């Protein structure tokens, strides 16, 4: 796949793919997961609380002449919350709408580049928590995903505003920019993989050991506030297997492959450093599914992945 492939949206099956993606997303988002689990989405509950009391949580007097304040205060996200609340949009409707949009785009991406049947594999604890609870991160992720495949330079104007929605998207943009330019360089594919792994290591070390610096710069309490439960060796083991499976058995080293390697290796490395990195795992899964048609022993992988996710869902649903 080359840059610009997603610009031509209206091909033979694209309308069908988009419709199926939307219906699937609608069902997933509106399904009463919290009632079934008898447990609220933690991030979503916090976001709803902030949405209800915007003047208490958000700073609407951002100093636009201070780069630190302009980015760390995330003013665009704050004003979007305030504006939606003022026109009468409930917090549940607001965050559900964002989840439907983000999940629809990701499902369409997978359907277009792989097989629409694989979107069912997004029903897993990591992806559900990401799209249904961490809507702001998911929104930034899919916006970057869309604009990545637009060759027009104007895309950089839109991408400039993303850190005003989520400050961490600045680092996400750096990651996407690196991979996008890497595939345009003609060199041995093994060197590309090595470069991606080196980049992932540097990125992970920066995040893990720059935690206090980033926390003070962004005033983001999410750094280090979570208990690192998911980073047990037992939890990590299947993802390590998937990582090497794609490294060894991907037929073509395309852009989905490099994004998968990058996001998944960052997750694994940050987990070793006891850093909350589940978002990077969540962002690796769409690329994993989009790359399945490019994978040898695909049926075996899908079977193992499904069994793995069913076991995780059993625990996640607290059955």
C-alpha atoms as a PDB file:
ATOM      1  CA  UNK A   1       0.000   0.000   0.000  1.00  0.00           C
ATOM      2  CA  UNK A   2       1.282   3.442  -0.918  1.00  0.00           C
ATOM      3  CA  UNK A   3       0.483   6.840   0.487  1.00  0.00           C
ATOM      4  CA  UNK A   4      -2.681   8.226  -1.042  1.00  0.00           C
ATOM      5  CA  UNK A   5      -4.504   4.884  -1.343  1.00  0.00           C
ATOM      6  CA  UNK A   6      -7.222   6.013   1.036  1.00  0.00           C
ATOM      7  CA  UNK A   7      -7.881   9.221  -0.889  1.00  0.00           C
ATOM      8  CA  UNK A   8      -9.872   7.214  -3.464  1.00  0.00           C
ATOM      9  CA  UNK A   9     -12.647   6.250  -1.078  1.00  0.00           C
ATOM     10  CA  UNK A  10     -15.420   5.509  -3.557  1.00  0.00           C
ATOM     11  CA  UNK A  11     -14.239   2.325  -5.168  1.00  0.00           C
ATOM     12  CA  UNK A  12     -16.324  -0.748  -5.856  1.00  0.00           C
ATOM     13  CA  UNK A  13     -16.941  -2.033  -2.317  1.00  0.00           C
ATOM     14  CA  UNK A  14     -16.105   1.037  -0.259  1.00  0.00           C
ATOM     15  CA  UNK A  15     -19.687   2.161   0.350  1.00  0.00           C
ATOM     16  CA  UNK A  16     -20.565  -1.347   1.511  1.00  0.00           C
ATOM     17  CA  UNK A  17     -17.495  -1.445   3.757  1.00  0.00           C
ATOM     18  CA  UNK A  18     -18.337   1.929   5.271  1.00  0.00           C
ATOM     19  CA  UNK A  19     -21.960   0.956   5.901  1.00  0.00           C
ATOM     20  CA  UNK A  20     -20.959  -2.327   7.556  1.00  0.00           C
ATOM     21  CA  UNK A  21     -18.335  -0.496   9.608  1.00  0.00           C
ATOM     22  CA  UNK A  22     -20.893   2.045  10.801  1.00  0.00           C
ATOM     23  CA  UNK A  23     -23.512  -0.578  11.742  1.00  0.00           C
ATOM     24  CA  UNK A  24     -20.914  -2.674  13.546  1.00  0.00           C
ATOM     25  CA  UNK A  25     -19.636   0.380  15.440  1.00  0.00           C
ATOM     26  CA  UNK A  26     -23.161   1.438  16.346  1.00  0.00           C
ATOM     27  CA  UNK A  27     -23.923  -1.986  17.832  1.00  0.00           C
ATOM     28  CA  UNK A  28     -20.634  -2.170  19.726  1.00  0.00           C
ATOM     29  CA  UNK A  29     -20.867   1.347  21.176  1.00  0.00           C
ATOM     30  CA  UNK A  30     -24.537   1.093  22.173  1.00  0.00           C
ATOM     31  CA  UNK A  31     -24.186  -2.359  23.728  1.00  0.00           C
ATOM     32  CA  UNK A  32     -24.516  -2.011  27.544  1.00  0.00           C
ATOM     33  CA  UNK A  33     -21.012  -3.196  28.407  1.00  0.00           C
ATOM     34  CA  UNK A  34     -20.972  -1.454  31.792  1.00  0.00           C
ATOM     35  CA  UNK A  35     -24.232  -3.087  32.853  1.00  0.00           C
ATOM     36  CA  UNK A  36     -23.028  -6.517  31.739  1.00  0.00           C
ATOM     37  CA  UNK A  37     -19.729  -6.037  33.582  1.00  0.00           C
ATOM     38  CA  UNK A  38     -21.374  -4.259  36.512  1.00  0.00           C
ATOM     39  CA  UNK A  39     -18.326  -2.027  36.375  1.00  0.00           C
ATOM     40  CA  UNK A  40     -17.880   1.445  34.892  1.00  0.00           C
ATOM     41  CA  UNK A  41     -15.262   2.437  32.336  1.00  0.00           C
ATOM     42  CA  UNK A  42     -12.813   4.338  34.546  1.00  0.00           C
ATOM     43  CA  UNK A  43     -11.599   6.886  31.993  1.00  0.00           C
ATOM     44  CA  UNK A  44     -15.085   7.461  30.634  1.00  0.00           C
ATOM     45  CA  UNK A  45     -16.463   8.114  34.122  1.00  0.00           C
ATOM     46  CA  UNK A  46     -13.770  10.744  34.713  1.00  0.00           C
ATOM     47  CA  UNK A  47     -14.417  12.367  31.347  1.00  0.00           C
ATOM     48  CA  UNK A  48     -18.157  12.521  31.980  1.00  0.00           C
ATOM     49  CA  UNK A  49     -17.517  14.176  35.341  1.00  0.00           C
ATOM     50  CA  UNK A  50     -15.307  16.799  33.676  1.00  0.00           C
ATOM     51  CA  UNK A  51     -17.896  17.324  30.946  1.00  0.00           C
ATOM     52  CA  UNK A  52     -20.605  18.015  33.534  1.00  0.00           C
ATOM     53  CA  UNK A  53     -18.483  20.530  35.455  1.00  0.00           C
ATOM     54  CA  UNK A  54     -16.241  22.130  32.802  1.00  0.00           C
ATOM     55  CA  UNK A  55     -15.435  25.325  34.690  1.00  0.00           C
ATOM     56  CA  UNK A  56     -14.178  23.324  37.636  1.00  0.00           C
ATOM     57  CA  UNK A  57     -11.860  21.047  35.661  1.00  0.00           C
ATOM     58  CA  UNK A  58     -10.859  23.065  32.596  1.00  0.00           C
ATOM     59  CA  UNK A  59      -8.817  26.236  32.297  1.00  0.00           C
ATOM     60  CA  UNK A  60     -10.511  28.540  29.780  1.00  0.00           C
ATOM     61  CA  UNK A  61      -7.972  31.310  30.181  1.00  0.00           C
ATOM     62  CA  UNK A  62      -5.113  29.694  28.290  1.00  0.00           C
ATOM     63  CA  UNK A  63      -2.150  31.972  27.631  1.00  0.00           C
ATOM     64  CA  UNK A  64      -1.928  31.674  23.845  1.00  0.00           C
ATOM     65  CA  UNK A  65       1.496  33.321  23.898  1.00  0.00           C
ATOM     66  CA  UNK A  66       2.910  30.495  26.018  1.00  0.00           C
ATOM     67  CA  UNK A  67       3.663  27.348  24.007  1.00  0.00           C
ATOM     68  CA  UNK A  68       3.582  25.251  27.182  1.00  0.00           C
ATOM     69  CA  UNK A  69       0.132  26.509  28.185  1.00  0.00           C
ATOM     70  CA  UNK A  70      -1.206  26.442  24.632  1.00  0.00           C
ATOM     71  CA  UNK A  71      -0.396  22.733  24.270  1.00  0.00           C
ATOM     72  CA  UNK A  72      -0.644  21.387  27.816  1.00  0.00           C
ATOM     73  CA  UNK A  73      -4.010  23.063  28.536  1.00  0.00           C
ATOM     74  CA  UNK A  74      -5.494  21.327  25.468  1.00  0.00           C
ATOM     75  CA  UNK A  75      -7.845  24.306  24.809  1.00  0.00           C
ATOM     76  CA  UNK A  76      -9.547  22.890  21.713  1.00  0.00           C
ATOM     77  CA  UNK A  77     -10.741  19.848  23.648  1.00  0.00           C
ATOM     78  CA  UNK A  78     -11.885  22.024  26.546  1.00  0.00           C
ATOM     79  CA  UNK A  79     -13.911  24.338  24.329  1.00  0.00           C
ATOM     80  CA  UNK A  80     -15.389  21.393  22.423  1.00  0.00           C
ATOM     81  CA  UNK A  81     -16.657  20.025  25.740  1.00  0.00           C
ATOM     82  CA  UNK A  82     -18.024  23.415  26.768  1.00  0.00           C
ATOM     83  CA  UNK A  83     -19.703  24.126  23.420  1.00  0.00           C
ATOM     84  CA  UNK A  84     -21.364  20.680  23.269  1.00  0.00           C
ATOM     85  CA  UNK A  85     -22.657  21.046  26.804  1.00  0.00           C
ATOM     86  CA  UNK A  86     -23.998  24.530  26.101  1.00  0.00           C
ATOM     87  CA  UNK A  87     -26.076  23.355  23.129  1.00  0.00           C
ATOM     88  CA  UNK A  88     -27.616  20.611  25.239  1.00  0.00           C
ATOM     89  CA  UNK A  89     -25.634  17.533  24.205  1.00  0.00           C
ATOM     90  CA  UNK A  90     -25.504  15.058  27.080  1.00  0.00           C
ATOM     91  CA  UNK A  91     -22.102  13.654  28.086  1.00  0.00           C
ATOM     92  CA  UNK A  92     -23.259  10.147  27.179  1.00  0.00           C
ATOM     93  CA  UNK A  93     -24.297  11.259  23.672  1.00  0.00           C
ATOM     94  CA  UNK A  94     -21.096  13.270  23.212  1.00  0.00           C
ATOM     95  CA  UNK A  95     -18.699  10.455  24.085  1.00  0.00           C
ATOM     96  CA  UNK A  96     -20.779   7.782  22.339  1.00  0.00           C
ATOM     97  CA  UNK A  97     -20.712   9.844  19.139  1.00  0.00           C
ATOM     98  CA  UNK A  98     -16.924  10.162  19.319  1.00  0.00           C
ATOM     99  CA  UNK A  99     -16.632   6.409  19.883  1.00  0.00           C
ATOM    100  CA  UNK A 100     -18.865   5.615  16.897  1.00  0.00           C
ATOM    101  CA  UNK A 101     -16.878   7.932  14.601  1.00  0.00           C
ATOM    102  CA  UNK A 102     -13.485   6.568  15.712  1.00  0.00           C
ATOM    103  CA  UNK A 103     -14.509   2.924  15.584  1.00  0.00           C
ATOM    104  CA  UNK A 104     -16.200   3.329  12.191  1.00  0.00           C
ATOM    105  CA  UNK A 105     -13.031   4.798  10.674  1.00  0.00           C
ATOM    106  CA  UNK A 106     -10.855   2.006  12.076  1.00  0.00           C
ATOM    107  CA  UNK A 107     -13.302  -0.689  10.914  1.00  0.00           C
ATOM    108  CA  UNK A 108     -13.414   0.864   7.444  1.00  0.00           C
ATOM    109  CA  UNK A 109      -9.611   0.961   7.387  1.00  0.00           C
ATOM    110  CA  UNK A 110      -9.405  -2.752   8.232  1.00  0.00           C
ATOM    111  CA  UNK A 111     -12.181  -3.660   5.771  1.00  0.00           C
ATOM    112  CA  UNK A 112     -10.572  -1.747   2.921  1.00  0.00           C
ATOM    113  CA  UNK A 113      -7.035  -3.027   3.416  1.00  0.00           C
ATOM    114  CA  UNK A 114      -7.708  -6.540   4.646  1.00  0.00           C
ATOM    115  CA  UNK A 115     -11.115  -8.195   5.110  1.00  0.00           C
ATOM    116  CA  UNK A 116     -14.282  -6.807   6.645  1.00  0.00           C
ATOM    117  CA  UNK A 117     -14.765 -10.089   8.554  1.00  0.00           C
ATOM    118  CA  UNK A 118     -11.753  -9.260  10.718  1.00  0.00           C
ATOM    119  CA  UNK A 119     -13.449  -6.275  12.347  1.00  0.00           C
ATOM    120  CA  UNK A 120     -15.180  -8.730  14.679  1.00  0.00           C
ATOM    121  CA  UNK A 121     -11.762  -9.236  16.287  1.00  0.00           C
ATOM    122  CA  UNK A 122     -11.966  -5.661  17.587  1.00  0.00           C
ATOM    123  CA  UNK A 123     -14.363  -6.990  20.200  1.00  0.00           C
ATOM    124  CA  UNK A 124     -11.610  -7.523  22.715  1.00  0.00           C
ATOM    125  CA  UNK A 125     -10.929  -5.860  26.092  1.00  0.00           C
ATOM    126  CA  UNK A 126      -8.047  -3.682  24.905  1.00  0.00           C
ATOM    127  CA  UNK A 127      -9.857  -2.244  21.874  1.00  0.00           C
ATOM    128  CA  UNK A 128     -13.178  -1.837  23.670  1.00  0.00           C
ATOM    129  CA  UNK A 129     -11.603   0.083  26.530  1.00  0.00           C
ATOM    130  CA  UNK A 130      -9.702   2.264  24.078  1.00  0.00           C
ATOM    131  CA  UNK A 131     -12.636   3.215  21.842  1.00  0.00           C
ATOM    132  CA  UNK A 132     -15.385   3.267  24.484  1.00  0.00           C
ATOM    133  CA  UNK A 133     -13.483   4.864  27.350  1.00  0.00           C
ATOM    134  CA  UNK A 134     -10.486   6.729  25.941  1.00  0.00           C
ATOM    135  CA  UNK A 135     -12.350   8.583  23.198  1.00  0.00           C
ATOM    136  CA  UNK A 136      -9.949  11.500  23.072  1.00  0.00           C
ATOM    137  CA  UNK A 137      -6.922   9.296  22.394  1.00  0.00           C
ATOM    138  CA  UNK A 138      -8.935   7.252  19.887  1.00  0.00           C
ATOM    139  CA  UNK A 139     -10.095  10.397  18.079  1.00  0.00           C
ATOM    140  CA  UNK A 140      -6.546  11.710  17.670  1.00  0.00           C
ATOM    141  CA  UNK A 141      -5.375   8.293  16.512  1.00  0.00           C
ATOM    142  CA  UNK A 142      -7.974   7.976  13.742  1.00  0.00           C
ATOM    143  CA  UNK A 143      -7.526  11.572  12.574  1.00  0.00           C
ATOM    144  CA  UNK A 144      -3.813  10.952  12.111  1.00  0.00           C
ATOM    145  CA  UNK A 145      -4.637   7.648  10.417  1.00  0.00           C
ATOM    146  CA  UNK A 146      -6.876   9.409   7.907  1.00  0.00           C
ATOM    147  CA  UNK A 147      -4.558  12.288   7.112  1.00  0.00           C
ATOM    148  CA  UNK A 148      -1.567   9.993   6.807  1.00  0.00           C
ATOM    149  CA  UNK A 149      -2.913   8.804   3.454  1.00  0.00           C
ATOM    150  CA  UNK A 150      -3.572  12.238   2.024  1.00  0.00           C
ATOM    151  CA  UNK A 151      -0.704  13.563  -0.045  1.00  0.00           C
ATOM    152  CA  UNK A 152      -1.820  17.187   0.052  1.00  0.00           C
ATOM    153  CA  UNK A 153       0.390  19.414   2.187  1.00  0.00           C
ATOM    154  CA  UNK A 154      -2.718  20.993   3.684  1.00  0.00           C
ATOM    155  CA  UNK A 155      -3.015  17.963   5.957  1.00  0.00           C
ATOM    156  CA  UNK A 156      -0.237  19.394   8.142  1.00  0.00           C
ATOM    157  CA  UNK A 157      -2.426  22.392   8.976  1.00  0.00           C
ATOM    158  CA  UNK A 158      -5.094  20.096  10.377  1.00  0.00           C
ATOM    159  CA  UNK A 159      -2.579  17.907  12.169  1.00  0.00           C
ATOM    160  CA  UNK A 160      -1.134  21.007  13.849  1.00  0.00           C
ATOM    161  CA  UNK A 161      -4.353  21.322  15.866  1.00  0.00           C
ATOM    162  CA  UNK A 162      -4.265  17.785  17.274  1.00  0.00           C
ATOM    163  CA  UNK A 163      -2.064  18.612  20.295  1.00  0.00           C
ATOM    164  CA  UNK A 164      -4.736  21.162  21.218  1.00  0.00           C
ATOM    165  CA  UNK A 165      -7.099  18.201  21.639  1.00  0.00           C
ATOM    166  CA  UNK A 166      -4.622  15.848  23.310  1.00  0.00           C
ATOM    167  CA  UNK A 167      -1.083  16.939  24.183  1.00  0.00           C
ATOM    168  CA  UNK A 168       0.288  13.416  23.817  1.00  0.00           C
ATOM    169  CA  UNK A 169      -0.724  13.429  20.156  1.00  0.00           C
ATOM    170  CA  UNK A 170       2.424  15.500  19.512  1.00  0.00           C
ATOM    171  CA  UNK A 171       4.488  12.380  20.231  1.00  0.00           C
ATOM    172  CA  UNK A 172       2.064  10.282  18.215  1.00  0.00           C
ATOM    173  CA  UNK A 173       2.577  12.604  15.254  1.00  0.00           C
ATOM    174  CA  UNK A 174       6.344  12.169  15.554  1.00  0.00           C
ATOM    175  CA  UNK A 175       5.898   8.411  15.476  1.00  0.00           C
ATOM    176  CA  UNK A 176       3.658   8.491  12.400  1.00  0.00           C
ATOM    177  CA  UNK A 177       5.961  10.949  10.620  1.00  0.00           C
ATOM    178  CA  UNK A 178       8.957   8.670  11.209  1.00  0.00           C
ATOM    179  CA  UNK A 179       7.239   5.574   9.811  1.00  0.00           C
ATOM    180  CA  UNK A 180       5.700   7.454   6.888  1.00  0.00           C
ATOM    181  CA  UNK A 181       9.105   8.696   5.769  1.00  0.00           C
ATOM    182  CA  UNK A 182      10.880   5.438   6.526  1.00  0.00           C
ATOM    183  CA  UNK A 183       8.919   3.473   3.929  1.00  0.00           C
ATOM    184  CA  UNK A 184       9.761   6.041   1.260  1.00  0.00           C
ATOM    185  CA  UNK A 185      13.462   5.262   1.633  1.00  0.00           C
ATOM    186  CA  UNK A 186      14.782   2.481  -0.576  1.00  0.00           C
ATOM    187  CA  UNK A 187      16.910   0.239   1.560  1.00  0.00           C
ATOM    188  CA  UNK A 188      17.111  -3.345   2.788  1.00  0.00           C
ATOM    189  CA  UNK A 189      13.899  -4.234   4.657  1.00  0.00           C
ATOM    190  CA  UNK A 190      15.927  -5.709   7.520  1.00  0.00           C
ATOM    191  CA  UNK A 191      17.499  -2.317   8.137  1.00  0.00           C
ATOM    192  CA  UNK A 192      14.055  -0.746   8.190  1.00  0.00           C
ATOM    193  CA  UNK A 193      12.914  -3.165  10.877  1.00  0.00           C
ATOM    194  CA  UNK A 194      16.060  -2.452  12.859  1.00  0.00           C
ATOM    195  CA  UNK A 195      15.488   1.313  12.540  1.00  0.00           C
ATOM    196  CA  UNK A 196      11.892   0.937  13.730  1.00  0.00           C
ATOM    197  CA  UNK A 197      13.038  -1.081  16.746  1.00  0.00           C
ATOM    198  CA  UNK A 198      15.735   1.480  17.587  1.00  0.00           C
ATOM    199  CA  UNK A 199      13.196   4.304  17.262  1.00  0.00           C
ATOM    200  CA  UNK A 200      10.761   2.373  19.490  1.00  0.00           C
ATOM    201  CA  UNK A 201      13.470   1.854  22.101  1.00  0.00           C
ATOM    202  CA  UNK A 202      14.432   5.541  22.150  1.00  0.00           C
ATOM    203  CA  UNK A 203      10.768   6.545  22.244  1.00  0.00           C
ATOM    204  CA  UNK A 204      10.059   4.125  25.107  1.00  0.00           C
ATOM    205  CA  UNK A 205      13.072   5.202  27.157  1.00  0.00           C
ATOM    206  CA  UNK A 206      12.076   8.829  26.694  1.00  0.00           C
ATOM    207  CA  UNK A 207       8.532   8.146  27.875  1.00  0.00           C
ATOM    208  CA  UNK A 208       9.506   5.861  30.739  1.00  0.00           C
ATOM    209  CA  UNK A 209      12.322   7.922  32.209  1.00  0.00           C
ATOM    210  CA  UNK A 210      10.960  11.306  31.209  1.00  0.00           C
ATOM    211  CA  UNK A 211       7.738  10.581  33.069  1.00  0.00           C
ATOM    212  CA  UNK A 212       8.183  13.233  35.736  1.00  0.00           C
ATOM    213  CA  UNK A 213       9.278  15.835  33.164  1.00  0.00           C
ATOM    214  CA  UNK A 214       6.284  15.124  30.931  1.00  0.00           C
ATOM    215  CA  UNK A 215       3.930  15.148  33.896  1.00  0.00           C
ATOM    216  CA  UNK A 216       5.148  18.557  35.037  1.00  0.00           C
ATOM    217  CA  UNK A 217       5.045  19.948  31.491  1.00  0.00           C
ATOM    218  CA  UNK A 218       1.554  18.756  30.613  1.00  0.00           C
ATOM    219  CA  UNK A 219       0.066  18.747  34.107  1.00  0.00           C
ATOM    220  CA  UNK A 220      -1.270  15.361  33.119  1.00  0.00           C
ATOM    221  CA  UNK A 221      -2.056  13.220  36.141  1.00  0.00           C
ATOM    222  CA  UNK A 222      -2.409  10.148  33.923  1.00  0.00           C
ATOM    223  CA  UNK A 223       1.359   9.638  34.048  1.00  0.00           C
ATOM    224  CA  UNK A 224       2.001   6.946  36.588  1.00  0.00           C
ATOM    225  CA  UNK A 225      -1.447   7.035  38.136  1.00  0.00           C
ATOM    226  CA  UNK A 226      -2.476   3.556  37.040  1.00  0.00           C
ATOM    227  CA  UNK A 227      -1.623   0.313  38.728  1.00  0.00           C
ATOM    228  CA  UNK A 228       0.448  -1.745  36.313  1.00  0.00           C
ATOM    229  CA  UNK A 229      -1.684  -4.870  36.381  1.00  0.00           C
ATOM    230  CA  UNK A 230      -1.596  -5.744  32.692  1.00  0.00           C
ATOM    231  CA  UNK A 231       2.184  -5.932  32.540  1.00  0.00           C
ATOM    232  CA  UNK A 232       2.593  -9.381  34.081  1.00  0.00           C
ATOM    233  CA  UNK A 233       4.721 -11.787  32.078  1.00  0.00           C
ATOM    234  CA  UNK A 234       1.699 -14.040  31.626  1.00  0.00           C
ATOM    235  CA  UNK A 235      -0.273 -11.186  30.049  1.00  0.00           C
ATOM    236  CA  UNK A 236       2.643 -10.073  27.864  1.00  0.00           C
ATOM    237  CA  UNK A 237       3.569 -13.551  26.569  1.00  0.00           C
ATOM    238  CA  UNK A 238       0.896 -13.858  23.814  1.00  0.00           C
ATOM    239  CA  UNK A 239       1.646 -10.354  22.545  1.00  0.00           C
ATOM    240  CA  UNK A 240       5.340 -11.225  22.323  1.00  0.00           C
ATOM    241  CA  UNK A 241       4.393 -14.278  20.266  1.00  0.00           C
ATOM    242  CA  UNK A 242       2.234 -12.157  17.949  1.00  0.00           C
ATOM    243  CA  UNK A 243       5.080  -9.678  17.575  1.00  0.00           C
ATOM    244  CA  UNK A 244       7.528 -12.317  16.341  1.00  0.00           C
ATOM    245  CA  UNK A 245       4.830 -14.021  14.269  1.00  0.00           C
ATOM    246  CA  UNK A 246       4.381 -10.879  12.184  1.00  0.00           C
ATOM    247  CA  UNK A 247       8.123 -10.222  12.046  1.00  0.00           C
ATOM    248  CA  UNK A 248       8.807 -13.716  10.716  1.00  0.00           C
ATOM    249  CA  UNK A 249       5.742 -14.474   8.614  1.00  0.00           C
ATOM    250  CA  UNK A 250       4.646 -11.188   7.034  1.00  0.00           C
ATOM    251  CA  UNK A 251       4.963 -11.659   3.287  1.00  0.00           C
ATOM    252  CA  UNK A 252       5.397  -7.981   2.530  1.00  0.00           C
ATOM    253  CA  UNK A 253       6.891  -5.283   4.748  1.00  0.00           C
ATOM    254  CA  UNK A 254       4.310  -2.573   4.075  1.00  0.00           C
ATOM    255  CA  UNK A 255       3.243   0.467   6.073  1.00  0.00           C
ATOM    256  CA  UNK A 256       0.804  -1.530   8.223  1.00  0.00           C
ATOM    257  CA  UNK A 257       3.609  -3.891   9.120  1.00  0.00           C
ATOM    258  CA  UNK A 258       5.925  -1.096  10.277  1.00  0.00           C
ATOM    259  CA  UNK A 259       3.204   0.618  12.299  1.00  0.00           C
ATOM    260  CA  UNK A 260       2.367  -2.693  13.939  1.00  0.00           C
ATOM    261  CA  UNK A 261       6.004  -3.385  14.792  1.00  0.00           C
ATOM    262  CA  UNK A 262       6.462   0.138  16.129  1.00  0.00           C
ATOM    263  CA  UNK A 263       3.351   0.320  18.335  1.00  0.00           C
ATOM    264  CA  UNK A 264       3.615  -3.235  19.614  1.00  0.00           C
ATOM    265  CA  UNK A 265       7.322  -2.959  20.424  1.00  0.00           C
ATOM    266  CA  UNK A 266       6.703   0.323  22.261  1.00  0.00           C
ATOM    267  CA  UNK A 267       4.008  -1.383  24.313  1.00  0.00           C
ATOM    268  CA  UNK A 268       6.264  -4.319  25.176  1.00  0.00           C
ATOM    269  CA  UNK A 269       9.240  -2.111  26.029  1.00  0.00           C
ATOM    270  CA  UNK A 270       7.216   0.294  28.163  1.00  0.00           C
ATOM    271  CA  UNK A 271       5.670  -2.658  29.973  1.00  0.00           C
ATOM    272  CA  UNK A 272       9.158  -3.800  30.932  1.00  0.00           C
ATOM    273  CA  UNK A 273       9.717  -0.286  32.323  1.00  0.00           C
ATOM    274  CA  UNK A 274       6.441  -0.528  34.328  1.00  0.00           C
ATOM    275  CA  UNK A 275       4.844   2.273  32.348  1.00  0.00           C
ATOM    276  CA  UNK A 276       1.112   2.307  31.606  1.00  0.00           C
ATOM    277  CA  UNK A 277       1.221   1.586  27.875  1.00  0.00           C
ATOM    278  CA  UNK A 278      -2.049  -0.139  27.057  1.00  0.00           C
ATOM    279  CA  UNK A 279      -2.964   2.634  24.588  1.00  0.00           C
ATOM    280  CA  UNK A 280      -0.032   1.681  22.379  1.00  0.00           C
ATOM    281  CA  UNK A 281      -1.227  -1.916  22.400  1.00  0.00           C
ATOM    282  CA  UNK A 282      -4.717  -0.726  21.447  1.00  0.00           C
ATOM    283  CA  UNK A 283      -3.288   1.310  18.568  1.00  0.00           C
ATOM    284  CA  UNK A 284      -1.294  -1.676  17.308  1.00  0.00           C
ATOM    285  CA  UNK A 285      -4.350  -3.939  16.932  1.00  0.00           C
ATOM    286  CA  UNK A 286      -5.934  -2.150  13.913  1.00  0.00           C
ATOM    287  CA  UNK A 287      -2.627  -2.476  12.053  1.00  0.00           C
ATOM    288  CA  UNK A 288      -2.419  -6.127  13.092  1.00  0.00           C
ATOM    289  CA  UNK A 289      -5.858  -6.838  11.629  1.00  0.00           C
ATOM    290  CA  UNK A 290      -5.193  -4.727   8.519  1.00  0.00           C
ATOM    291  CA  UNK A 291      -2.059  -6.792   7.890  1.00  0.00           C
ATOM    292  CA  UNK A 292      -3.674 -10.241   8.207  1.00  0.00           C
ATOM    293  CA  UNK A 293      -4.013 -10.811   4.456  1.00  0.00           C
ATOM    294  CA  UNK A 294      -0.275 -10.298   4.283  1.00  0.00           C
ATOM    295  CA  UNK A 295       0.436 -12.990   6.885  1.00  0.00           C
ATOM    296  CA  UNK A 296       1.501 -16.586   6.375  1.00  0.00           C
ATOM    297  CA  UNK A 297      -0.338 -19.137   8.541  1.00  0.00           C
ATOM    298  CA  UNK A 298      -3.131 -16.583   8.794  1.00  0.00           C
ATOM    299  CA  UNK A 299      -5.862 -19.054   9.784  1.00  0.00           C
ATOM    300  CA  UNK A 300      -3.743 -20.418  12.611  1.00  0.00           C
ATOM    301  CA  UNK A 301      -3.037 -16.921  13.854  1.00  0.00           C
ATOM    302  CA  UNK A 302      -6.710 -15.887  13.747  1.00  0.00           C
ATOM    303  CA  UNK A 303      -7.730 -19.026  15.636  1.00  0.00           C
ATOM    304  CA  UNK A 304      -5.120 -18.484  18.365  1.00  0.00           C
ATOM    305  CA  UNK A 305      -5.932 -14.764  18.588  1.00  0.00           C
ATOM    306  CA  UNK A 306      -9.663 -15.494  18.939  1.00  0.00           C
ATOM    307  CA  UNK A 307      -9.121 -18.024  21.725  1.00  0.00           C
ATOM    308  CA  UNK A 308      -6.795 -15.585  23.485  1.00  0.00           C
ATOM    309  CA  UNK A 309      -9.307 -12.733  23.262  1.00  0.00           C
ATOM    310  CA  UNK A 310     -12.201 -14.946  24.406  1.00  0.00           C
ATOM    311  CA  UNK A 311     -10.226 -15.787  27.533  1.00  0.00           C
ATOM    312  CA  UNK A 312      -9.491 -12.108  28.122  1.00  0.00           C
ATOM    313  CA  UNK A 313     -13.147 -11.221  27.525  1.00  0.00           C
ATOM    314  CA  UNK A 314     -14.222 -13.821  30.064  1.00  0.00           C
ATOM    315  CA  UNK A 315     -12.063 -12.129  32.678  1.00  0.00           C
ATOM    316  CA  UNK A 316     -12.911  -8.574  31.490  1.00  0.00           C
ATOM    317  CA  UNK A 317     -16.676  -9.204  31.628  1.00  0.00           C
ATOM    318  CA  UNK A 318     -16.183 -10.554  35.134  1.00  0.00           C
ATOM    319  CA  UNK A 319     -18.311 -13.586  34.319  1.00  0.00           C
END
